[in-house]
């Protein structure tokens, strides 16, 4: 199967509010796609549906050919936009936690990523800077052999040095047999990572396609195109 994620006329309504409307989007195996849009555009709702936390009102969605639910939760590796580790932990405890919890966790890969990120296993989670926390969280998420990686604002609030380290880790450690969906408001910084982008506005896909094709057609960077679409 070439498509890890398939959405067909995906719609989600909350009472009178429509969060997603007739979304059609496929994410091919081996592709990194940027899901871009302002706050309130429907990005979080889409992620929650893919995570199996919410169910759609109408339409269809699948991950590796299966409807989101208990079975697909083991296929998705999710990086939330906030720290998710216990305060009492050291880094080695977080590694143990993921190793115990996820069958697809690759401990050796995690150790190599920690070394790349310049993190030590005896460091306490509460003593880590914002950038170091982001690097640790990304290490844990990327060390799983998942079908779908969802990274929600992976570089928000971190300094430029940590930002570059995180981007390099995404590029160098990405599993080409899987797909990756990334949300961000820092389009300029993450643009080099994306192969495809989808612009979400008021719950609808208003533009999507291959990054290079869009740059050539519009004679704009993705960041400039984002500003044009959402001005």
N, C-alpha and C. Protein backbone atom coordinates (compact mmCIF):
# COMPACT_ATOMS: atom_id res chain seq x y z
N UNK A 1 0.84 -1.20 0.00
CA UNK A 1 0.00 0.00 0.00
C UNK A 1 0.88 1.25 0.00
N UNK A 2 0.66 2.14 -0.98
CA UNK A 2 1.45 3.35 -1.08
C UNK A 2 1.02 4.42 -0.09
N UNK A 3 -0.27 4.47 0.22
CA UNK A 3 -0.77 5.49 1.15
C UNK A 3 -0.85 4.94 2.57
N UNK A 4 -0.13 5.59 3.47
CA UNK A 4 -0.25 5.23 4.88
C UNK A 4 -1.54 5.82 5.45
N UNK A 5 -1.84 7.06 5.07
CA UNK A 5 -3.06 7.73 5.53
C UNK A 5 -3.95 8.06 4.34
N UNK A 6 -5.23 7.78 4.47
CA UNK A 6 -6.22 8.15 3.46
C UNK A 6 -7.42 8.80 4.14
N UNK A 7 -7.77 9.98 3.66
CA UNK A 7 -8.96 10.67 4.14
C UNK A 7 -9.86 10.96 2.94
N UNK A 8 -11.13 10.65 3.08
CA UNK A 8 -12.10 10.87 2.01
C UNK A 8 -13.33 11.56 2.57
N UNK A 9 -13.54 12.80 2.13
CA UNK A 9 -14.68 13.61 2.58
C UNK A 9 -14.80 13.63 4.10
N UNK A 10 -13.66 13.73 4.77
CA UNK A 10 -13.63 13.69 6.23
C UNK A 10 -14.25 14.96 6.82
N UNK A 11 -15.27 14.77 7.64
CA UNK A 11 -15.99 15.89 8.24
C UNK A 11 -16.18 15.64 9.73
N UNK A 12 -15.95 16.70 10.52
CA UNK A 12 -16.20 16.61 11.96
C UNK A 12 -16.97 17.85 12.40
N UNK A 13 -18.11 17.63 13.03
CA UNK A 13 -18.94 18.72 13.52
C UNK A 13 -19.08 18.63 15.04
N UNK A 14 -19.05 19.80 15.70
CA UNK A 14 -19.36 19.93 17.11
C UNK A 14 -20.60 20.81 17.22
N UNK A 15 -21.73 20.21 17.44
CA UNK A 15 -22.98 20.97 17.50
C UNK A 15 -23.12 21.81 16.22
N UNK A 16 -23.07 23.15 16.36
CA UNK A 16 -23.23 24.02 15.19
C UNK A 16 -21.90 24.33 14.49
N UNK A 17 -20.78 23.98 15.12
CA UNK A 17 -19.47 24.30 14.56
C UNK A 17 -18.94 23.13 13.72
N UNK A 18 -18.43 23.44 12.54
CA UNK A 18 -17.79 22.44 11.69
C UNK A 18 -16.28 22.61 11.78
N UNK A 19 -15.60 21.64 12.37
CA UNK A 19 -14.15 21.73 12.56
C UNK A 19 -13.39 21.25 11.33
N UNK A 20 -13.92 20.22 10.65
CA UNK A 20 -13.35 19.73 9.40
C UNK A 20 -14.50 19.55 8.41
N UNK A 21 -14.26 19.93 7.15
CA UNK A 21 -15.32 19.85 6.15
C UNK A 21 -14.80 19.22 4.87
N UNK A 22 -15.28 18.02 4.58
CA UNK A 22 -14.99 17.33 3.31
C UNK A 22 -13.50 17.33 2.97
N UNK A 23 -12.69 16.92 3.94
CA UNK A 23 -11.24 16.88 3.72
C UNK A 23 -10.86 15.62 2.95
N UNK A 24 -10.17 15.81 1.84
CA UNK A 24 -9.62 14.70 1.06
C UNK A 24 -8.10 14.86 1.04
N UNK A 25 -7.42 13.91 1.67
CA UNK A 25 -5.97 14.01 1.79
C UNK A 25 -5.37 12.63 1.94
N UNK A 26 -4.38 12.33 1.12
CA UNK A 26 -3.62 11.09 1.23
C UNK A 26 -2.18 11.41 1.59
N UNK A 27 -1.59 10.58 2.43
CA UNK A 27 -0.17 10.72 2.77
C UNK A 27 0.54 9.43 2.35
N UNK A 28 1.40 9.54 1.36
CA UNK A 28 2.09 8.37 0.82
C UNK A 28 3.20 7.89 1.76
N UNK A 29 3.49 6.63 1.65
CA UNK A 29 4.63 6.05 2.39
C UNK A 29 5.91 6.76 1.98
N UNK A 30 6.72 7.09 2.96
CA UNK A 30 8.00 7.73 2.68
C UNK A 30 7.94 9.23 2.56
N UNK A 31 6.77 9.83 2.77
CA UNK A 31 6.62 11.27 2.59
C UNK A 31 6.51 11.99 3.94
N UNK A 32 7.06 13.19 3.98
CA UNK A 32 6.89 14.08 5.11
C UNK A 32 6.01 15.24 4.65
N UNK A 33 4.87 15.39 5.29
CA UNK A 33 3.92 16.41 4.87
C UNK A 33 3.71 17.42 5.99
N UNK A 34 3.69 18.69 5.62
CA UNK A 34 3.40 19.75 6.57
C UNK A 34 1.93 20.08 6.55
N UNK A 35 1.30 20.02 7.70
CA UNK A 35 -0.10 20.42 7.85
C UNK A 35 -0.09 21.82 8.44
N UNK A 36 -0.43 22.81 7.61
CA UNK A 36 -0.22 24.20 7.97
C UNK A 36 -1.53 24.97 8.03
N UNK A 37 -1.64 25.83 9.02
CA UNK A 37 -2.83 26.65 9.17
C UNK A 37 -2.80 27.36 10.50
N UNK A 38 -3.56 28.46 10.62
CA UNK A 38 -3.60 29.19 11.89
C UNK A 38 -4.34 28.42 12.96
N UNK A 39 -4.30 28.93 14.17
CA UNK A 39 -5.08 28.33 15.26
C UNK A 39 -6.56 28.32 14.90
N UNK A 40 -7.23 27.21 15.20
CA UNK A 40 -8.65 27.11 14.90
C UNK A 40 -8.96 26.63 13.50
N UNK A 41 -7.93 26.23 12.76
CA UNK A 41 -8.15 25.81 11.37
C UNK A 41 -8.60 24.35 11.25
N UNK A 42 -8.44 23.57 12.32
CA UNK A 42 -8.85 22.16 12.29
C UNK A 42 -7.72 21.17 12.43
N UNK A 43 -6.50 21.64 12.61
CA UNK A 43 -5.34 20.75 12.69
C UNK A 43 -5.44 19.79 13.87
N UNK A 44 -5.78 20.34 15.04
CA UNK A 44 -5.87 19.51 16.24
C UNK A 44 -6.97 18.46 16.12
N UNK A 45 -8.08 18.85 15.54
CA UNK A 45 -9.18 17.89 15.33
C UNK A 45 -8.73 16.75 14.43
N UNK A 46 -8.02 17.07 13.36
CA UNK A 46 -7.53 16.04 12.45
C UNK A 46 -6.58 15.08 13.18
N UNK A 47 -5.67 15.64 13.97
CA UNK A 47 -4.74 14.81 14.72
C UNK A 47 -5.48 13.89 15.68
N UNK A 48 -6.47 14.42 16.38
CA UNK A 48 -7.22 13.62 17.34
C UNK A 48 -7.99 12.48 16.66
N UNK A 49 -8.46 12.72 15.45
CA UNK A 49 -9.14 11.66 14.69
C UNK A 49 -8.13 10.58 14.30
N UNK A 50 -6.96 10.99 13.84
CA UNK A 50 -5.91 10.03 13.47
C UNK A 50 -5.43 9.24 14.69
N UNK A 51 -5.45 9.88 15.85
CA UNK A 51 -5.01 9.23 17.09
C UNK A 51 -6.09 8.31 17.65
N UNK A 52 -7.29 8.38 17.09
CA UNK A 52 -8.38 7.56 17.61
C UNK A 52 -9.03 8.14 18.85
N UNK A 53 -8.75 9.42 19.14
CA UNK A 53 -9.34 10.08 20.30
C UNK A 53 -10.74 10.58 19.97
N UNK A 54 -10.90 11.07 18.74
CA UNK A 54 -12.21 11.52 18.24
C UNK A 54 -12.62 10.64 17.06
N UNK A 55 -13.91 10.60 16.79
CA UNK A 55 -14.41 9.95 15.59
C UNK A 55 -15.03 11.01 14.69
N UNK A 56 -14.91 10.81 13.39
CA UNK A 56 -15.46 11.76 12.44
C UNK A 56 -16.99 11.71 12.44
N UNK A 57 -17.60 12.79 11.98
CA UNK A 57 -19.05 12.83 11.84
C UNK A 57 -19.48 12.09 10.59
N UNK A 58 -18.80 12.38 9.48
CA UNK A 58 -19.02 11.69 8.22
C UNK A 58 -17.69 11.56 7.49
N UNK A 59 -17.69 10.77 6.43
CA UNK A 59 -16.48 10.56 5.65
C UNK A 59 -15.69 9.35 6.14
N UNK A 60 -14.53 9.15 5.53
CA UNK A 60 -13.71 7.99 5.84
C UNK A 60 -12.26 8.40 6.11
N UNK A 61 -11.62 7.64 7.00
CA UNK A 61 -10.20 7.84 7.28
C UNK A 61 -9.60 6.49 7.63
N UNK A 62 -8.38 6.24 7.15
CA UNK A 62 -7.70 4.99 7.47
C UNK A 62 -6.21 5.23 7.64
N UNK A 63 -5.60 4.37 8.46
CA UNK A 63 -4.15 4.36 8.65
C UNK A 63 -3.68 2.96 8.31
N UNK A 64 -2.84 2.86 7.29
CA UNK A 64 -2.39 1.55 6.79
C UNK A 64 -3.58 0.63 6.52
N UNK A 65 -4.64 1.21 5.97
CA UNK A 65 -5.82 0.44 5.58
C UNK A 65 -6.79 0.12 6.69
N UNK A 66 -6.52 0.62 7.91
CA UNK A 66 -7.39 0.31 9.05
C UNK A 66 -7.99 1.58 9.62
N UNK A 67 -9.22 1.49 10.11
CA UNK A 67 -9.86 2.63 10.74
C UNK A 67 -9.16 2.95 12.06
N UNK A 68 -9.01 4.25 12.37
CA UNK A 68 -8.37 4.61 13.64
C UNK A 68 -9.09 3.98 14.84
N UNK A 69 -8.31 3.38 15.72
CA UNK A 69 -8.86 2.70 16.88
C UNK A 69 -7.77 2.00 17.63
N UNK A 70 -8.13 0.99 18.36
CA UNK A 70 -7.17 0.26 19.21
C UNK A 70 -6.00 -0.29 18.40
N UNK A 71 -6.30 -0.85 17.23
CA UNK A 71 -5.24 -1.47 16.43
C UNK A 71 -4.27 -0.45 15.85
N UNK A 72 -4.79 0.71 15.44
CA UNK A 72 -3.91 1.71 14.80
C UNK A 72 -3.09 2.50 15.82
N UNK A 73 -3.51 2.51 17.08
CA UNK A 73 -2.76 3.27 18.08
C UNK A 73 -1.33 2.77 18.21
N UNK A 74 -1.13 1.49 17.96
CA UNK A 74 0.22 0.93 18.01
C UNK A 74 1.04 1.27 16.77
N UNK A 75 0.39 1.84 15.75
CA UNK A 75 1.08 2.20 14.51
C UNK A 75 1.51 3.67 14.49
N UNK A 76 0.98 4.46 15.43
CA UNK A 76 1.17 5.92 15.40
C UNK A 76 2.10 6.35 16.54
N UNK A 77 3.14 7.09 16.20
CA UNK A 77 4.05 7.66 17.19
C UNK A 77 3.83 9.17 17.22
N UNK A 78 3.38 9.67 18.36
CA UNK A 78 2.88 11.04 18.45
C UNK A 78 3.75 11.90 19.36
N UNK A 79 4.15 13.05 18.84
CA UNK A 79 4.86 14.06 19.63
C UNK A 79 3.91 15.21 19.90
N UNK A 80 3.38 15.32 21.13
CA UNK A 80 2.46 16.42 21.44
C UNK A 80 3.21 17.74 21.56
N UNK A 81 2.45 18.83 21.63
CA UNK A 81 3.07 20.16 21.69
C UNK A 81 3.38 20.59 23.12
N UNK A 82 3.39 19.62 24.05
CA UNK A 82 3.74 19.92 25.44
C UNK A 82 4.52 18.73 26.02
N UNK A 83 5.27 18.99 27.08
CA UNK A 83 6.07 17.93 27.69
C UNK A 83 5.16 16.87 28.30
N UNK A 84 5.48 15.59 28.08
CA UNK A 84 4.59 14.51 28.52
C UNK A 84 5.26 13.55 29.50
N UNK A 85 6.43 13.91 30.01
CA UNK A 85 7.17 13.01 30.91
C UNK A 85 6.95 13.40 32.37
N UNK A 86 7.07 12.42 33.26
CA UNK A 86 6.92 12.65 34.69
C UNK A 86 8.11 13.44 35.24
N UNK A 87 7.83 14.31 36.20
CA UNK A 87 8.86 15.19 36.74
C UNK A 87 9.95 14.44 37.49
N UNK A 88 9.61 13.27 38.06
CA UNK A 88 10.59 12.53 38.86
C UNK A 88 11.63 11.81 38.00
N UNK A 89 11.41 11.78 36.68
CA UNK A 89 12.23 10.94 35.81
C UNK A 89 13.62 11.52 35.52
N UNK A 90 14.53 10.62 35.32
CA UNK A 90 15.76 10.92 34.60
C UNK A 90 15.56 10.46 33.16
N UNK A 91 16.46 10.86 32.28
CA UNK A 91 16.32 10.48 30.88
C UNK A 91 16.29 8.96 30.73
N UNK A 92 17.12 8.26 31.50
CA UNK A 92 17.14 6.80 31.39
C UNK A 92 15.80 6.19 31.79
N UNK A 93 15.06 6.85 32.70
CA UNK A 93 13.73 6.37 33.09
C UNK A 93 12.74 6.51 31.94
N UNK A 94 12.86 7.60 31.19
CA UNK A 94 11.96 7.81 30.05
C UNK A 94 12.23 6.76 28.96
N UNK A 95 13.49 6.39 28.79
CA UNK A 95 13.85 5.34 27.84
C UNK A 95 13.23 4.01 28.28
N UNK A 96 13.35 3.70 29.57
CA UNK A 96 12.77 2.46 30.11
C UNK A 96 11.24 2.45 29.93
N UNK A 97 10.61 3.60 30.16
CA UNK A 97 9.16 3.71 30.03
C UNK A 97 8.72 3.38 28.61
N UNK A 98 9.35 3.99 27.62
CA UNK A 98 8.98 3.75 26.23
C UNK A 98 9.30 2.32 25.82
N UNK A 99 10.42 1.80 26.31
CA UNK A 99 10.81 0.43 25.99
C UNK A 99 9.79 -0.57 26.54
N UNK A 100 9.26 -0.29 27.72
CA UNK A 100 8.24 -1.16 28.32
C UNK A 100 6.89 -1.02 27.64
N UNK A 101 6.57 0.19 27.23
CA UNK A 101 5.22 0.49 26.77
C UNK A 101 5.00 0.17 25.29
N UNK A 102 6.04 0.33 24.48
CA UNK A 102 5.89 0.16 23.03
C UNK A 102 6.73 -1.01 22.52
N UNK A 103 6.08 -1.96 21.89
CA UNK A 103 6.78 -3.12 21.34
C UNK A 103 7.73 -2.75 20.21
N UNK A 104 7.45 -1.63 19.52
CA UNK A 104 8.27 -1.23 18.37
C UNK A 104 9.39 -0.26 18.75
N UNK A 105 9.62 -0.07 20.04
CA UNK A 105 10.66 0.87 20.48
C UNK A 105 12.04 0.26 20.27
N UNK A 106 12.93 1.03 19.64
CA UNK A 106 14.29 0.59 19.32
C UNK A 106 15.26 1.27 20.29
N UNK A 107 15.66 0.53 21.31
CA UNK A 107 16.50 1.10 22.36
C UNK A 107 17.86 1.55 21.83
N UNK A 108 18.43 0.80 20.91
CA UNK A 108 19.73 1.16 20.35
C UNK A 108 19.64 2.46 19.55
N UNK A 109 18.56 2.60 18.82
CA UNK A 109 18.35 3.85 18.07
C UNK A 109 18.21 5.02 19.03
N UNK A 110 17.49 4.80 20.12
CA UNK A 110 17.32 5.85 21.13
C UNK A 110 18.67 6.29 21.70
N UNK A 111 19.55 5.34 21.98
CA UNK A 111 20.86 5.68 22.54
C UNK A 111 21.69 6.49 21.55
N UNK A 112 21.61 6.12 20.26
CA UNK A 112 22.34 6.87 19.23
C UNK A 112 21.79 8.28 19.09
N UNK A 113 20.47 8.40 19.17
CA UNK A 113 19.85 9.72 19.08
C UNK A 113 20.20 10.59 20.29
N UNK A 114 20.24 9.98 21.47
CA UNK A 114 20.64 10.73 22.66
C UNK A 114 22.05 11.29 22.50
N UNK A 115 22.92 10.47 21.96
CA UNK A 115 24.30 10.91 21.73
C UNK A 115 24.33 12.06 20.72
N UNK A 116 23.56 11.93 19.64
CA UNK A 116 23.47 12.98 18.62
C UNK A 116 22.92 14.28 19.22
N UNK A 117 21.94 14.14 20.10
CA UNK A 117 21.30 15.30 20.71
C UNK A 117 22.11 15.87 21.88
N UNK A 118 23.23 15.20 22.22
CA UNK A 118 24.09 15.62 23.32
C UNK A 118 23.33 15.61 24.65
N UNK A 119 22.61 14.52 24.86
CA UNK A 119 21.88 14.30 26.11
C UNK A 119 22.45 13.08 26.82
N UNK A 120 22.49 13.13 28.15
CA UNK A 120 23.02 12.02 28.94
C UNK A 120 21.91 11.38 29.75
N UNK A 121 21.97 10.06 29.90
CA UNK A 121 20.89 9.31 30.53
C UNK A 121 20.67 9.67 32.00
N UNK A 122 21.68 10.19 32.67
CA UNK A 122 21.54 10.54 34.09
C UNK A 122 20.95 11.93 34.31
N UNK A 123 20.70 12.68 33.25
CA UNK A 123 20.10 14.01 33.39
C UNK A 123 18.66 13.89 33.89
N UNK A 124 18.27 14.79 34.81
CA UNK A 124 16.90 14.82 35.31
C UNK A 124 16.02 15.62 34.36
N UNK A 125 14.83 15.12 34.13
CA UNK A 125 13.90 15.78 33.21
C UNK A 125 13.61 17.21 33.65
N UNK A 126 13.47 17.43 34.97
CA UNK A 126 13.14 18.77 35.46
C UNK A 126 14.28 19.77 35.29
N UNK A 127 15.49 19.28 35.05
CA UNK A 127 16.65 20.16 34.89
C UNK A 127 16.92 20.52 33.42
N UNK A 128 16.13 19.94 32.51
CA UNK A 128 16.37 20.16 31.09
C UNK A 128 15.78 21.51 30.65
N UNK A 129 16.50 22.19 29.78
CA UNK A 129 15.96 23.41 29.17
C UNK A 129 14.84 23.03 28.21
N UNK A 130 14.11 24.04 27.72
CA UNK A 130 13.03 23.79 26.76
C UNK A 130 13.56 23.07 25.53
N UNK A 131 14.70 23.51 25.02
CA UNK A 131 15.28 22.87 23.84
C UNK A 131 15.70 21.44 24.11
N UNK A 132 16.27 21.19 25.28
CA UNK A 132 16.69 19.83 25.64
C UNK A 132 15.48 18.91 25.82
N UNK A 133 14.40 19.44 26.40
CA UNK A 133 13.17 18.65 26.54
C UNK A 133 12.63 18.26 25.17
N UNK A 134 12.62 19.21 24.24
CA UNK A 134 12.14 18.92 22.89
C UNK A 134 13.00 17.85 22.22
N UNK A 135 14.31 17.93 22.42
CA UNK A 135 15.21 16.94 21.82
C UNK A 135 14.99 15.56 22.42
N UNK A 136 14.74 15.51 23.72
CA UNK A 136 14.46 14.22 24.37
C UNK A 136 13.13 13.65 23.87
N UNK A 137 12.09 14.47 23.84
CA UNK A 137 10.78 14.00 23.40
C UNK A 137 10.83 13.48 21.97
N UNK A 138 11.55 14.20 21.12
CA UNK A 138 11.68 13.76 19.72
C UNK A 138 12.47 12.46 19.63
N UNK A 139 13.51 12.33 20.45
CA UNK A 139 14.29 11.09 20.49
C UNK A 139 13.39 9.90 20.79
N UNK A 140 12.53 10.03 21.79
CA UNK A 140 11.62 8.95 22.17
C UNK A 140 10.65 8.61 21.05
N UNK A 141 10.08 9.62 20.44
CA UNK A 141 9.08 9.41 19.38
C UNK A 141 9.70 8.79 18.13
N UNK A 142 10.88 9.28 17.74
CA UNK A 142 11.53 8.76 16.52
C UNK A 142 12.14 7.39 16.72
N UNK A 143 12.32 6.97 17.96
CA UNK A 143 12.93 5.66 18.23
C UNK A 143 11.94 4.52 18.13
N UNK A 144 10.69 4.84 17.87
CA UNK A 144 9.71 3.80 17.58
C UNK A 144 9.71 3.49 16.08
N UNK A 145 9.44 2.25 15.72
CA UNK A 145 9.32 1.86 14.32
C UNK A 145 7.83 1.88 13.94
N UNK A 146 7.29 3.09 13.83
CA UNK A 146 5.86 3.28 13.60
C UNK A 146 5.55 3.40 12.12
N UNK A 147 4.26 3.32 11.80
CA UNK A 147 3.80 3.56 10.43
C UNK A 147 3.60 5.05 10.17
N UNK A 148 3.10 5.75 11.20
CA UNK A 148 2.80 7.16 11.07
C UNK A 148 3.39 7.92 12.26
N UNK A 149 4.18 8.95 11.95
CA UNK A 149 4.71 9.84 12.98
C UNK A 149 3.95 11.16 12.87
N UNK A 150 3.41 11.62 14.00
CA UNK A 150 2.73 12.91 14.04
C UNK A 150 3.50 13.82 14.99
N UNK A 151 4.06 14.90 14.46
CA UNK A 151 4.84 15.84 15.26
C UNK A 151 4.08 17.15 15.33
N UNK A 152 3.60 17.50 16.50
CA UNK A 152 2.82 18.71 16.70
C UNK A 152 3.73 19.81 17.25
N UNK A 153 4.04 20.79 16.39
CA UNK A 153 4.90 21.91 16.78
C UNK A 153 6.22 21.43 17.39
N UNK A 154 7.05 20.69 16.64
CA UNK A 154 8.25 20.08 17.23
C UNK A 154 9.36 21.06 17.59
N UNK A 155 9.31 22.29 17.08
CA UNK A 155 10.40 23.24 17.40
C UNK A 155 9.88 24.51 18.05
N UNK A 156 8.66 24.48 18.55
CA UNK A 156 8.09 25.68 19.16
C UNK A 156 8.84 26.07 20.42
N UNK A 157 9.25 27.32 20.48
CA UNK A 157 9.84 27.85 21.71
C UNK A 157 11.27 27.44 21.99
N UNK A 158 11.96 26.85 21.02
CA UNK A 158 13.35 26.46 21.26
C UNK A 158 14.29 27.39 20.50
N UNK A 159 15.52 27.48 20.99
CA UNK A 159 16.49 28.39 20.40
C UNK A 159 16.97 27.87 19.05
N UNK A 160 17.56 28.73 18.21
CA UNK A 160 17.96 28.34 16.85
C UNK A 160 18.92 27.15 16.79
N UNK A 161 19.83 27.03 17.79
CA UNK A 161 20.78 25.91 17.78
C UNK A 161 20.05 24.60 17.99
N UNK A 162 19.18 24.55 18.99
CA UNK A 162 18.39 23.35 19.26
C UNK A 162 17.46 23.05 18.08
N UNK A 163 16.96 24.10 17.48
CA UNK A 163 16.06 23.95 16.33
C UNK A 163 16.74 23.20 15.19
N UNK A 164 17.97 23.59 14.87
CA UNK A 164 18.71 22.93 13.80
C UNK A 164 18.99 21.47 14.13
N UNK A 165 19.30 21.20 15.39
CA UNK A 165 19.57 19.83 15.83
C UNK A 165 18.33 18.97 15.65
N UNK A 166 17.17 19.52 16.01
CA UNK A 166 15.92 18.79 15.89
C UNK A 166 15.60 18.52 14.42
N UNK A 167 15.77 19.51 13.57
CA UNK A 167 15.51 19.32 12.14
C UNK A 167 16.43 18.28 11.53
N UNK A 168 17.70 18.32 11.91
CA UNK A 168 18.65 17.31 11.41
C UNK A 168 18.26 15.91 11.87
N UNK A 169 17.77 15.80 13.11
CA UNK A 169 17.36 14.50 13.63
C UNK A 169 16.16 13.96 12.85
N UNK A 170 15.22 14.83 12.52
CA UNK A 170 14.05 14.41 11.74
C UNK A 170 14.48 13.88 10.38
N UNK A 171 15.35 14.62 9.71
CA UNK A 171 15.79 14.25 8.37
C UNK A 171 16.62 12.97 8.39
N UNK A 172 17.54 12.87 9.33
CA UNK A 172 18.50 11.76 9.34
C UNK A 172 17.95 10.47 9.93
N UNK A 173 16.90 10.55 10.73
CA UNK A 173 16.40 9.35 11.42
C UNK A 173 14.99 8.97 11.02
N UNK A 174 14.49 9.61 9.99
CA UNK A 174 13.15 9.31 9.53
C UNK A 174 13.10 7.94 8.86
N UNK A 175 12.05 7.19 9.15
CA UNK A 175 11.85 5.85 8.59
C UNK A 175 11.12 5.95 7.25
N UNK A 176 11.77 5.58 6.17
CA UNK A 176 11.20 5.75 4.84
C UNK A 176 10.07 4.78 4.53
N UNK A 177 9.84 3.80 5.39
CA UNK A 177 8.70 2.89 5.21
C UNK A 177 7.45 3.42 5.90
N UNK A 178 7.55 4.61 6.44
CA UNK A 178 6.43 5.21 7.15
C UNK A 178 6.11 6.58 6.56
N UNK A 179 5.17 7.27 7.17
CA UNK A 179 4.84 8.64 6.79
C UNK A 179 4.97 9.54 8.01
N UNK A 180 5.12 10.85 7.74
CA UNK A 180 5.23 11.79 8.84
C UNK A 180 4.38 13.02 8.56
N UNK A 181 3.59 13.41 9.56
CA UNK A 181 2.75 14.59 9.50
C UNK A 181 3.24 15.58 10.54
N UNK A 182 3.56 16.79 10.11
CA UNK A 182 4.11 17.80 11.01
C UNK A 182 3.25 19.06 10.97
N UNK A 183 2.86 19.55 12.15
CA UNK A 183 2.20 20.85 12.21
C UNK A 183 3.20 21.86 12.76
N UNK A 184 3.10 23.10 12.27
CA UNK A 184 4.00 24.15 12.75
C UNK A 184 3.48 25.52 12.35
N UNK A 185 3.82 26.51 13.16
CA UNK A 185 3.63 27.90 12.77
C UNK A 185 4.97 28.49 12.28
N UNK A 186 6.06 27.77 12.53
CA UNK A 186 7.39 28.22 12.11
C UNK A 186 7.72 27.63 10.74
N UNK A 187 6.95 28.08 9.76
CA UNK A 187 7.03 27.50 8.42
C UNK A 187 8.40 27.71 7.79
N UNK A 188 8.96 28.87 7.98
CA UNK A 188 10.26 29.18 7.38
C UNK A 188 11.33 28.19 7.84
N UNK A 189 11.30 27.84 9.12
CA UNK A 189 12.33 26.96 9.68
C UNK A 189 12.16 25.51 9.24
N UNK A 190 10.91 25.07 9.11
CA UNK A 190 10.65 23.66 8.80
C UNK A 190 10.47 23.38 7.31
N UNK A 191 10.46 24.43 6.52
CA UNK A 191 10.18 24.27 5.09
C UNK A 191 11.09 23.26 4.40
N UNK A 192 12.36 23.23 4.79
CA UNK A 192 13.32 22.34 4.13
C UNK A 192 13.05 20.86 4.40
N UNK A 193 12.25 20.58 5.43
CA UNK A 193 11.94 19.20 5.79
C UNK A 193 10.80 18.65 4.94
N UNK A 194 9.86 19.53 4.55
CA UNK A 194 8.63 19.07 3.90
C UNK A 194 8.84 18.63 2.45
N UNK A 195 8.21 17.53 2.09
CA UNK A 195 8.10 17.13 0.68
C UNK A 195 6.77 17.58 0.10
N UNK A 196 5.74 17.59 0.94
CA UNK A 196 4.42 18.05 0.53
C UNK A 196 3.85 18.91 1.66
N UNK A 197 2.89 19.78 1.30
CA UNK A 197 2.21 20.59 2.29
C UNK A 197 0.71 20.58 2.02
N UNK A 198 -0.06 20.76 3.07
CA UNK A 198 -1.51 20.93 2.96
C UNK A 198 -1.88 22.12 3.82
N UNK A 199 -2.54 23.11 3.22
CA UNK A 199 -2.97 24.30 3.94
C UNK A 199 -4.42 24.11 4.37
N UNK A 200 -4.65 24.20 5.66
CA UNK A 200 -5.98 23.99 6.23
C UNK A 200 -6.52 25.33 6.74
N UNK A 201 -7.71 25.70 6.22
CA UNK A 201 -8.32 26.98 6.57
C UNK A 201 -9.80 26.76 6.85
N UNK A 202 -10.21 27.11 8.07
CA UNK A 202 -11.61 26.92 8.48
C UNK A 202 -12.10 25.50 8.23
N UNK A 203 -11.23 24.53 8.49
CA UNK A 203 -11.61 23.13 8.37
C UNK A 203 -11.56 22.55 6.98
N UNK A 204 -11.09 23.32 6.00
CA UNK A 204 -11.04 22.84 4.62
C UNK A 204 -9.61 22.92 4.08
N UNK A 205 -9.24 21.95 3.25
CA UNK A 205 -7.96 22.02 2.54
C UNK A 205 -8.11 23.02 1.40
N UNK A 206 -7.40 24.13 1.49
CA UNK A 206 -7.51 25.16 0.45
C UNK A 206 -6.38 25.07 -0.56
N UNK A 207 -5.31 24.36 -0.20
CA UNK A 207 -4.19 24.17 -1.13
C UNK A 207 -3.33 23.03 -0.63
N UNK A 208 -2.94 22.13 -1.51
CA UNK A 208 -1.97 21.11 -1.13
C UNK A 208 -1.23 20.62 -2.36
N UNK A 209 -0.06 20.06 -2.12
CA UNK A 209 0.72 19.57 -3.24
C UNK A 209 2.19 19.41 -2.88
N UNK A 210 2.98 19.02 -3.88
CA UNK A 210 4.42 18.86 -3.75
C UNK A 210 5.08 20.22 -3.54
N UNK A 211 6.00 20.29 -2.61
CA UNK A 211 6.63 21.56 -2.25
C UNK A 211 7.36 22.19 -3.43
N UNK A 212 8.18 21.39 -4.12
CA UNK A 212 8.94 21.94 -5.25
C UNK A 212 8.02 22.44 -6.36
N UNK A 213 6.97 21.68 -6.63
CA UNK A 213 6.01 22.09 -7.67
C UNK A 213 5.33 23.40 -7.30
N UNK A 214 4.93 23.51 -6.04
CA UNK A 214 4.26 24.74 -5.59
C UNK A 214 5.22 25.93 -5.65
N UNK A 215 6.47 25.72 -5.27
CA UNK A 215 7.46 26.81 -5.34
C UNK A 215 7.62 27.29 -6.78
N UNK A 216 7.74 26.33 -7.71
CA UNK A 216 7.94 26.68 -9.11
C UNK A 216 6.72 27.34 -9.73
N UNK A 217 5.53 26.80 -9.40
CA UNK A 217 4.29 27.35 -9.97
C UNK A 217 3.99 28.76 -9.46
N UNK A 218 4.20 28.96 -8.17
CA UNK A 218 3.82 30.24 -7.55
C UNK A 218 4.98 31.22 -7.44
N UNK A 219 6.19 30.73 -7.71
CA UNK A 219 7.40 31.56 -7.56
C UNK A 219 7.49 32.15 -6.15
N UNK A 220 7.19 31.29 -5.17
CA UNK A 220 7.22 31.69 -3.76
C UNK A 220 7.79 30.55 -2.94
N UNK A 221 8.36 30.90 -1.80
CA UNK A 221 8.70 29.87 -0.82
C UNK A 221 7.40 29.41 -0.15
N UNK A 222 7.45 28.30 0.57
CA UNK A 222 6.26 27.83 1.29
C UNK A 222 5.87 28.85 2.35
N UNK A 223 6.85 29.46 2.99
CA UNK A 223 6.57 30.48 4.00
C UNK A 223 5.84 31.67 3.39
N UNK A 224 6.29 32.12 2.22
CA UNK A 224 5.62 33.24 1.53
C UNK A 224 4.22 32.84 1.09
N UNK A 225 4.09 31.60 0.64
CA UNK A 225 2.78 31.11 0.21
C UNK A 225 1.83 31.03 1.39
N UNK A 226 2.33 30.61 2.54
CA UNK A 226 1.52 30.55 3.76
C UNK A 226 0.99 31.94 4.10
N UNK A 227 1.87 32.92 4.05
CA UNK A 227 1.46 34.29 4.37
C UNK A 227 0.43 34.81 3.37
N UNK A 228 0.57 34.41 2.13
CA UNK A 228 -0.39 34.84 1.09
C UNK A 228 -1.75 34.20 1.31
N UNK A 229 -1.77 32.91 1.62
CA UNK A 229 -3.03 32.19 1.79
C UNK A 229 -3.78 32.65 3.04
N UNK A 230 -3.04 32.93 4.11
CA UNK A 230 -3.69 33.20 5.39
C UNK A 230 -3.61 34.67 5.81
N UNK A 231 -3.30 35.56 4.87
CA UNK A 231 -3.19 36.98 5.24
C UNK A 231 -4.56 37.55 5.62
